[in-house]
PDB file of N, CA and C in Angstrom:
ATOM      1  N   MET A   1       0.840  -1.178   0.000  1.00  0.00           N
ATOM      2  CA  MET A   1       0.000   0.000   0.000  1.00  0.00           C
ATOM      3  C   MET A   1       0.886   1.242   0.000  1.00  0.00           C
ATOM      4  N   ARG A   2       0.554   2.193  -0.818  1.00  0.00           N
ATOM      5  CA  ARG A   2       1.374   3.393  -0.993  1.00  0.00           C
ATOM      6  C   ARG A   2       0.820   4.538  -0.154  1.00  0.00           C
ATOM      7  N   PRO A   3       1.708   5.248   0.566  1.00  0.00           N
ATOM      8  CA  PRO A   3       1.242   6.416   1.318  1.00  0.00           C
ATOM      9  C   PRO A   3       0.651   7.473   0.389  1.00  0.00           C
ATOM     10  N   ALA A   4      -0.312   8.229   0.903  1.00  0.00           N
ATOM     11  CA  ALA A   4      -0.967   9.256   0.094  1.00  0.00           C
ATOM     12  C   ALA A   4       0.010  10.349  -0.308  1.00  0.00           C
ATOM     13  N   ALA A   5       0.905  10.696   0.599  1.00  0.00           N
ATOM     14  CA  ALA A   5       1.890  11.752   0.316  1.00  0.00           C
ATOM     15  C   ALA A   5       3.262  11.308   0.809  1.00  0.00           C
ATOM     16  N   ILE A   6       4.274  11.692   0.072  1.00  0.00           N
ATOM     17  CA  ILE A   6       5.654  11.375   0.447  1.00  0.00           C
ATOM     18  C   ILE A   6       6.353  12.681   0.775  1.00  0.00           C
ATOM     19  N   LYS A   7       6.966  12.733   1.954  1.00  0.00           N
ATOM     20  CA  LYS A   7       7.679  13.956   2.352  1.00  0.00           C
ATOM     21  C   LYS A   7       8.829  14.210   1.377  1.00  0.00           C
ATOM     22  N   PRO A   8       9.026  15.473   0.988  1.00  0.00           N
ATOM     23  CA  PRO A   8      10.078  15.768   0.013  1.00  0.00           C
ATOM     24  C   PRO A   8      11.493  15.528   0.555  1.00  0.00           C
ATOM     25  N   LYS A   9      11.700  15.711   1.844  1.00  0.00           N
ATOM     26  CA  LYS A   9      13.030  15.535   2.425  1.00  0.00           C
ATOM     27  C   LYS A   9      13.200  14.072   2.845  1.00  0.00           C
ATOM     28  N   ALA A  10      14.150  13.378   2.254  1.00  0.00           N
ATOM     29  CA  ALA A  10      14.317  11.941   2.472  1.00  0.00           C
ATOM     30  C   ALA A  10      14.533  11.591   3.944  1.00  0.00           C
ATOM     31  N   GLN A  11      15.237  12.424   4.690  1.00  0.00           N
ATOM     32  CA  GLN A  11      15.532  12.131   6.088  1.00  0.00           C
ATOM     33  C   GLN A  11      14.275  12.143   6.959  1.00  0.00           C
ATOM     34  N   ASP A  12      13.224  12.808   6.524  1.00  0.00           N
ATOM     35  CA  ASP A  12      11.989  12.908   7.301  1.00  0.00           C
ATOM     36  C   ASP A  12      10.976  11.821   6.953  1.00  0.00           C
ATOM     37  N   ARG A  13      11.275  10.967   6.003  1.00  0.00           N
ATOM     38  CA  ARG A  13      10.328   9.960   5.530  1.00  0.00           C
ATOM     39  C   ARG A  13      10.274   8.757   6.471  1.00  0.00           C
ATOM     40  N   THR A  14       9.087   8.157   6.535  1.00  0.00           N
ATOM     41  CA  THR A  14       8.926   6.888   7.235  1.00  0.00           C
ATOM     42  C   THR A  14       9.398   5.773   6.312  1.00  0.00           C
ATOM     43  N   LEU A  15       9.457   4.559   6.850  1.00  0.00           N
ATOM     44  CA  LEU A  15       9.889   3.435   6.032  1.00  0.00           C
ATOM     45  C   LEU A  15       8.954   3.228   4.848  1.00  0.00           C
ATOM     46  N   GLN A  16       7.643   3.344   5.085  1.00  0.00           N
ATOM     47  CA  GLN A  16       6.691   3.168   3.995  1.00  0.00           C
ATOM     48  C   GLN A  16       6.859   4.246   2.929  1.00  0.00           C
ATOM     49  N   GLU A  17       7.142   5.464   3.358  1.00  0.00           N
ATOM     50  CA  GLU A  17       7.365   6.548   2.391  1.00  0.00           C
ATOM     51  C   GLU A  17       8.640   6.315   1.598  1.00  0.00           C
ATOM     52  N   ARG A  18       9.671   5.802   2.261  1.00  0.00           N
ATOM     53  CA  ARG A  18      10.922   5.511   1.546  1.00  0.00           C
ATOM     54  C   ARG A  18      10.714   4.413   0.513  1.00  0.00           C
ATOM     55  N   GLU A  19       9.995   3.370   0.903  1.00  0.00           N
ATOM     56  CA  GLU A  19       9.706   2.301  -0.051  1.00  0.00           C
ATOM     57  C   GLU A  19       8.900   2.829  -1.235  1.00  0.00           C
ATOM     58  N   ALA A  20       7.912   3.661  -0.965  1.00  0.00           N
ATOM     59  CA  ALA A  20       7.097   4.230  -2.040  1.00  0.00           C
ATOM     60  C   ALA A  20       7.946   5.101  -2.962  1.00  0.00           C
ATOM     61  N   ALA A  21       8.873   5.865  -2.390  1.00  0.00           N
ATOM     62  CA  ALA A  21       9.745   6.714  -3.199  1.00  0.00           C
ATOM     63  C   ALA A  21      10.630   5.863  -4.107  1.00  0.00           C
ATOM     64  N   VAL A  22      11.151   4.758  -3.575  1.00  0.00           N
ATOM     65  CA  VAL A  22      11.990   3.867  -4.380  1.00  0.00           C
ATOM     66  C   VAL A  22      11.166   3.252  -5.510  1.00  0.00           C
ATOM     67  N   LEU A  23       9.956   2.813  -5.204  1.00  0.00           N
ATOM     68  CA  LEU A  23       9.106   2.226  -6.241  1.00  0.00           C
ATOM     69  C   LEU A  23       8.760   3.249  -7.319  1.00  0.00           C
ATOM     70  N   ASP A  24       8.541   4.494  -6.909  1.00  0.00           N
ATOM     71  CA  ASP A  24       8.295   5.555  -7.901  1.00  0.00           C
ATOM     72  C   ASP A  24       9.502   5.737  -8.811  1.00  0.00           C
ATOM     73  N   ARG A  25      10.688   5.716  -8.219  1.00  0.00           N
ATOM     74  CA  ARG A  25      11.916   5.867  -9.021  1.00  0.00           C
ATOM     75  C   ARG A  25      12.100   4.684  -9.961  1.00  0.00           C
ATOM     76  N   LEU A  26      11.759   3.472  -9.485  1.00  0.00           N
ATOM     77  CA  LEU A  26      11.865   2.304 -10.350  1.00  0.00           C
ATOM     78  C   LEU A  26      10.910   2.403 -11.532  1.00  0.00           C
ATOM     79  N   ALA A  27       9.711   2.907 -11.265  1.00  0.00           N
ATOM     80  CA  ALA A  27       8.751   3.086 -12.358  1.00  0.00           C
ATOM     81  C   ALA A  27       9.265   4.112 -13.361  1.00  0.00           C
ATOM     82  N   ASP A  28       9.857   5.197 -12.861  1.00  0.00           N
ATOM     83  CA  ASP A  28      10.441   6.206 -13.753  1.00  0.00           C
ATOM     84  C   ASP A  28      11.599   5.612 -14.560  1.00  0.00           C
ATOM     85  N   PHE A  29      12.400   4.764 -13.890  1.00  0.00           N
ATOM     86  CA  PHE A  29      13.527   4.116 -14.549  1.00  0.00           C
ATOM     87  C   PHE A  29      13.045   3.212 -15.683  1.00  0.00           C
ATOM     88  N   ALA A  30      12.003   2.424 -15.406  1.00  0.00           N
ATOM     89  CA  ALA A  30      11.461   1.538 -16.433  1.00  0.00           C
ATOM     90  C   ALA A  30      10.941   2.336 -17.618  1.00  0.00           C
ATOM     91  N   GLN A  31      10.243   3.425 -17.345  1.00  0.00           N
ATOM     92  CA  GLN A  31       9.734   4.254 -18.431  1.00  0.00           C
ATOM     93  C   GLN A  31      10.875   4.857 -19.245  1.00  0.00           C
ATOM     94  N   ALA A  32      11.933   5.275 -18.559  1.00  0.00           N
ATOM     95  CA  ALA A  32      13.082   5.843 -19.262  1.00  0.00           C
ATOM     96  C   ALA A  32      13.729   4.812 -20.185  1.00  0.00           C
ATOM     97  N   LEU A  33      13.793   3.554 -19.735  1.00  0.00           N
ATOM     98  CA  LEU A  33      14.370   2.515 -20.587  1.00  0.00           C
ATOM     99  C   LEU A  33      13.537   2.325 -21.843  1.00  0.00           C
ATOM    100  N   PHE A  34      12.217   2.310 -21.702  1.00  0.00           N
ATOM    101  CA  PHE A  34      11.359   2.142 -22.875  1.00  0.00           C
ATOM    102  C   PHE A  34      11.404   3.373 -23.769  1.00  0.00           C
ATOM    103  N   ASP A  35      11.681   4.533 -23.205  1.00  0.00           N
ATOM    104  CA  ASP A  35      11.773   5.745 -24.008  1.00  0.00           C
ATOM    105  C   ASP A  35      12.998   5.739 -24.918  1.00  0.00           C
ATOM    106  N   TYR A  36      13.962   4.860 -24.644  1.00  0.00           N
ATOM    107  CA  TYR A  36      15.140   4.790 -25.503  1.00  0.00           C
ATOM    108  C   TYR A  36      14.813   4.233 -26.882  1.00  0.00           C
ATOM    109  N   ASP A  37      13.575   3.789 -27.095  1.00  0.00           N
ATOM    110  CA  ASP A  37      13.195   3.327 -28.435  1.00  0.00           C
ATOM    111  C   ASP A  37      13.377   4.430 -29.471  1.00  0.00           C
ATOM    112  N   SER A  38      13.335   5.674 -29.032  1.00  0.00           N
ATOM    113  CA  SER A  38      13.513   6.790 -29.957  1.00  0.00           C
ATOM    114  C   SER A  38      14.960   7.286 -29.954  1.00  0.00           C
ATOM    115  N   ALA A  39      15.895   6.400 -29.620  1.00  0.00           N
ATOM    116  CA  ALA A  39      17.301   6.793 -29.540  1.00  0.00           C
ATOM    117  C   ALA A  39      17.859   7.282 -30.866  1.00  0.00           C
ATOM    118  N   ALA A  40      17.306   6.835 -31.965  1.00  0.00           N
ATOM    119  CA  ALA A  40      17.827   7.224 -33.279  1.00  0.00           C
ATOM    120  C   ALA A  40      17.730   8.726 -33.519  1.00  0.00           C
ATOM    121  N   ILE A  41      16.850   9.402 -32.814  1.00  0.00           N
ATOM    122  CA  ILE A  41      16.722  10.851 -32.987  1.00  0.00           C
ATOM    123  C   ILE A  41      17.254  11.615 -31.772  1.00  0.00           C
ATOM    124  N   HIS A  42      17.983  10.902 -30.893  1.00  0.00           N
ATOM    125  CA  HIS A  42      18.510  11.553 -29.693  1.00  0.00           C
ATOM    126  C   HIS A  42      19.527  12.619 -30.092  1.00  0.00           C
ATOM    127  N   PRO A  43      19.555  13.774 -29.384  1.00  0.00           N
ATOM    128  CA  PRO A  43      20.486  14.838 -29.748  1.00  0.00           C
ATOM    129  C   PRO A  43      21.961  14.498 -29.482  1.00  0.00           C
ATOM    130  N   ASP A  44      22.241  13.568 -28.558  1.00  0.00           N
ATOM    131  CA  ASP A  44      23.630  13.177 -28.286  1.00  0.00           C
ATOM    132  C   ASP A  44      24.027  12.031 -29.212  1.00  0.00           C
ATOM    133  N   PRO A  45      25.025  12.242 -30.079  1.00  0.00           N
ATOM    134  CA  PRO A  45      25.383  11.215 -31.068  1.00  0.00           C
ATOM    135  C   PRO A  45      25.745   9.865 -30.458  1.00  0.00           C
ATOM    136  N   HIS A  46      26.408   9.863 -29.290  1.00  0.00           N
ATOM    137  CA  HIS A  46      26.824   8.578 -28.717  1.00  0.00           C
ATOM    138  C   HIS A  46      25.644   7.782 -28.154  1.00  0.00           C
ATOM    139  N   LEU A  47      24.482   8.384 -28.017  1.00  0.00           N
ATOM    140  CA  LEU A  47      23.308   7.665 -27.527  1.00  0.00           C
ATOM    141  C   LEU A  47      22.388   7.194 -28.650  1.00  0.00           C
ATOM    142  N   ARG A  48      22.670   7.579 -29.870  1.00  0.00           N
ATOM    143  CA  ARG A  48      21.788   7.213 -30.975  1.00  0.00           C
ATOM    144  C   ARG A  48      21.799   5.729 -31.293  1.00  0.00           C
ATOM    145  N   ASP A  49      22.881   5.040 -30.936  1.00  0.00           N
ATOM    146  CA  ASP A  49      22.979   3.612 -31.237  1.00  0.00           C
ATOM    147  C   ASP A  49      22.396   2.735 -30.141  1.00  0.00           C
ATOM    148  N   ILE A  50      22.013   3.339 -29.013  1.00  0.00           N
ATOM    149  CA  ILE A  50      21.485   2.566 -27.887  1.00  0.00           C
ATOM    150  C   ILE A  50      19.985   2.388 -28.053  1.00  0.00           C
ATOM    151  N   VAL A  51      19.569   1.157 -28.092  1.00  0.00           N
ATOM    152  CA  VAL A  51      18.139   0.858 -28.121  1.00  0.00           C
ATOM    153  C   VAL A  51      17.899  -0.282 -27.140  1.00  0.00           C
ATOM    154  N   TRP A  52      17.121  -0.020 -26.109  1.00  0.00           N
ATOM    155  CA  TRP A  52      16.783  -1.053 -25.133  1.00  0.00           C
ATOM    156  C   TRP A  52      15.600  -1.839 -25.665  1.00  0.00           C
ATOM    157  N   ASN A  53      15.778  -3.139 -25.758  1.00  0.00           N
ATOM    158  CA  ASN A  53      14.606  -3.940 -26.088  1.00  0.00           C
ATOM    159  C   ASN A  53      13.869  -4.257 -24.784  1.00  0.00           C
ATOM    160  N   ARG A  54      12.666  -4.736 -24.906  1.00  0.00           N
ATOM    161  CA  ARG A  54      11.813  -4.970 -23.743  1.00  0.00           C
ATOM    162  C   ARG A  54      12.449  -5.968 -22.772  1.00  0.00           C
ATOM    163  N   GLU A  55      13.090  -6.993 -23.293  1.00  0.00           N
ATOM    164  CA  GLU A  55      13.696  -8.024 -22.450  1.00  0.00           C
ATOM    165  C   GLU A  55      14.794  -7.439 -21.556  1.00  0.00           C
ATOM    166  N   ASN A  56      15.685  -6.638 -22.143  1.00  0.00           N
ATOM    167  CA  ASN A  56      16.755  -6.039 -21.343  1.00  0.00           C
ATOM    168  C   ASN A  56      16.205  -5.042 -20.333  1.00  0.00           C
ATOM    169  N   ALA A  57      15.174  -4.311 -20.700  1.00  0.00           N
ATOM    170  CA  ALA A  57      14.577  -3.362 -19.769  1.00  0.00           C
ATOM    171  C   ALA A  57      13.960  -4.083 -18.579  1.00  0.00           C
ATOM    172  N   VAL A  58      13.310  -5.207 -18.827  1.00  0.00           N
ATOM    173  CA  VAL A  58      12.715  -5.982 -17.734  1.00  0.00           C
ATOM    174  C   VAL A  58      13.817  -6.559 -16.850  1.00  0.00           C
ATOM    175  N   PHE A  59      14.902  -7.038 -17.432  1.00  0.00           N
ATOM    176  CA  PHE A  59      16.021  -7.532 -16.630  1.00  0.00           C
ATOM    177  C   PHE A  59      16.591  -6.429 -15.740  1.00  0.00           C
ATOM    178  N   ALA A  60      16.778  -5.248 -16.295  1.00  0.00           N
ATOM    179  CA  ALA A  60      17.317  -4.135 -15.520  1.00  0.00           C
ATOM    180  C   ALA A  60      16.362  -3.735 -14.405  1.00  0.00           C
ATOM    181  N   LEU A  61      15.083  -3.698 -14.706  1.00  0.00           N
ATOM    182  CA  LEU A  61      14.090  -3.348 -13.697  1.00  0.00           C
ATOM    183  C   LEU A  61      14.039  -4.404 -12.600  1.00  0.00           C
ATOM    184  N   GLY A  62      14.091  -5.674 -12.984  1.00  0.00           N
ATOM    185  CA  GLY A  62      14.087  -6.753 -11.993  1.00  0.00           C
ATOM    186  C   GLY A  62      15.288  -6.688 -11.079  1.00  0.00           C
ATOM    187  N   THR A  63      16.447  -6.374 -11.646  1.00  0.00           N
ATOM    188  CA  THR A  63      17.653  -6.232 -10.846  1.00  0.00           C
ATOM    189  C   THR A  63      17.519  -5.080  -9.867  1.00  0.00           C
ATOM    190  N   ALA A  64      17.038  -3.941 -10.344  1.00  0.00           N
ATOM    191  CA  ALA A  64      16.868  -2.779  -9.469  1.00  0.00           C
ATOM    192  C   ALA A  64      15.854  -3.064  -8.362  1.00  0.00           C
ATOM    193  N   ALA A  65      14.774  -3.766  -8.694  1.00  0.00           N
ATOM    194  CA  ALA A  65      13.767  -4.109  -7.682  1.00  0.00           C
ATOM    195  C   ALA A  65      14.345  -5.072  -6.655  1.00  0.00           C
ATOM    196  N   SER A  66      15.164  -6.010  -7.084  1.00  0.00           N
ATOM    197  CA  SER A  66      15.791  -6.958  -6.145  1.00  0.00           C
ATOM    198  C   SER A  66      16.742  -6.252  -5.196  1.00  0.00           C
ATOM    199  N   VAL A  67      17.490  -5.298  -5.703  1.00  0.00           N
ATOM    200  CA  VAL A  67      18.396  -4.531  -4.853  1.00  0.00           C
ATOM    201  C   VAL A  67      17.602  -3.715  -3.833  1.00  0.00           C
ATOM    202  N   ALA A  68      16.524  -3.078  -4.284  1.00  0.00           N
ATOM    203  CA  ALA A  68      15.697  -2.300  -3.367  1.00  0.00           C
ATOM    204  C   ALA A  68      15.091  -3.197  -2.291  1.00  0.00           C
ATOM    205  N   GLN A  69      14.640  -4.380  -2.675  1.00  0.00           N
ATOM    206  CA  GLN A  69      14.063  -5.315  -1.717  1.00  0.00           C
ATOM    207  C   GLN A  69      15.108  -5.746  -0.693  1.00  0.00           C
ATOM    208  N   ALA A  70      16.323  -6.004  -1.144  1.00  0.00           N
ATOM    209  CA  ALA A  70      17.388  -6.401  -0.228  1.00  0.00           C
ATOM    210  C   ALA A  70      17.718  -5.277   0.754  1.00  0.00           C
ATOM    211  N   ILE A  71      17.686  -4.047   0.273  1.00  0.00           N
ATOM    212  CA  ILE A  71      17.981  -2.907   1.149  1.00  0.00           C
ATOM    213  C   ILE A  71      16.903  -2.774   2.218  1.00  0.00           C
ATOM    214  N   PHE A  72      15.638  -2.884   1.835  1.00  0.00           N
ATOM    215  CA  PHE A  72      14.552  -2.692   2.792  1.00  0.00           C
ATOM    216  C   PHE A  72      14.331  -3.910   3.679  1.00  0.00           C
ATOM    217  N   ALA A  73      14.891  -5.054   3.343  1.00  0.00           N
ATOM    218  CA  ALA A  73      14.745  -6.237   4.183  1.00  0.00           C
ATOM    219  C   ALA A  73      15.609  -6.153   5.434  1.00  0.00           C
ATOM    220  N   HIS A  74      16.592  -5.265   5.434  1.00  0.00           N
ATOM    221  CA  HIS A  74      17.503  -5.111   6.574  1.00  0.00           C
ATOM    222  C   HIS A  74      17.526  -3.668   7.039  1.00  0.00           C
ATOM    223  N   PRO A  75      16.452  -3.225   7.739  1.00  0.00           N
ATOM    224  CA  PRO A  75      16.414  -1.803   8.167  1.00  0.00           C
ATOM    225  C   PRO A  75      17.402  -1.487   9.268  1.00  0.00           C
TER     226      PRO A  75
END
């Protein structure tokens, strides 16, 4: 269950708020990976060749979620 509001200052957050903030960042990360589909028109030349396929994006997201879970399992 996600808290209704997350305090902006990380040091003031409860454990549930911290978990919600991490999950929000993971969702943003996943969206950013899928947004690389338009890498061919990216303004930075060295990023134009990078295209994340769905499989690699899911692997990266799964890894990030596992790390977050490991961090929160040991408060």
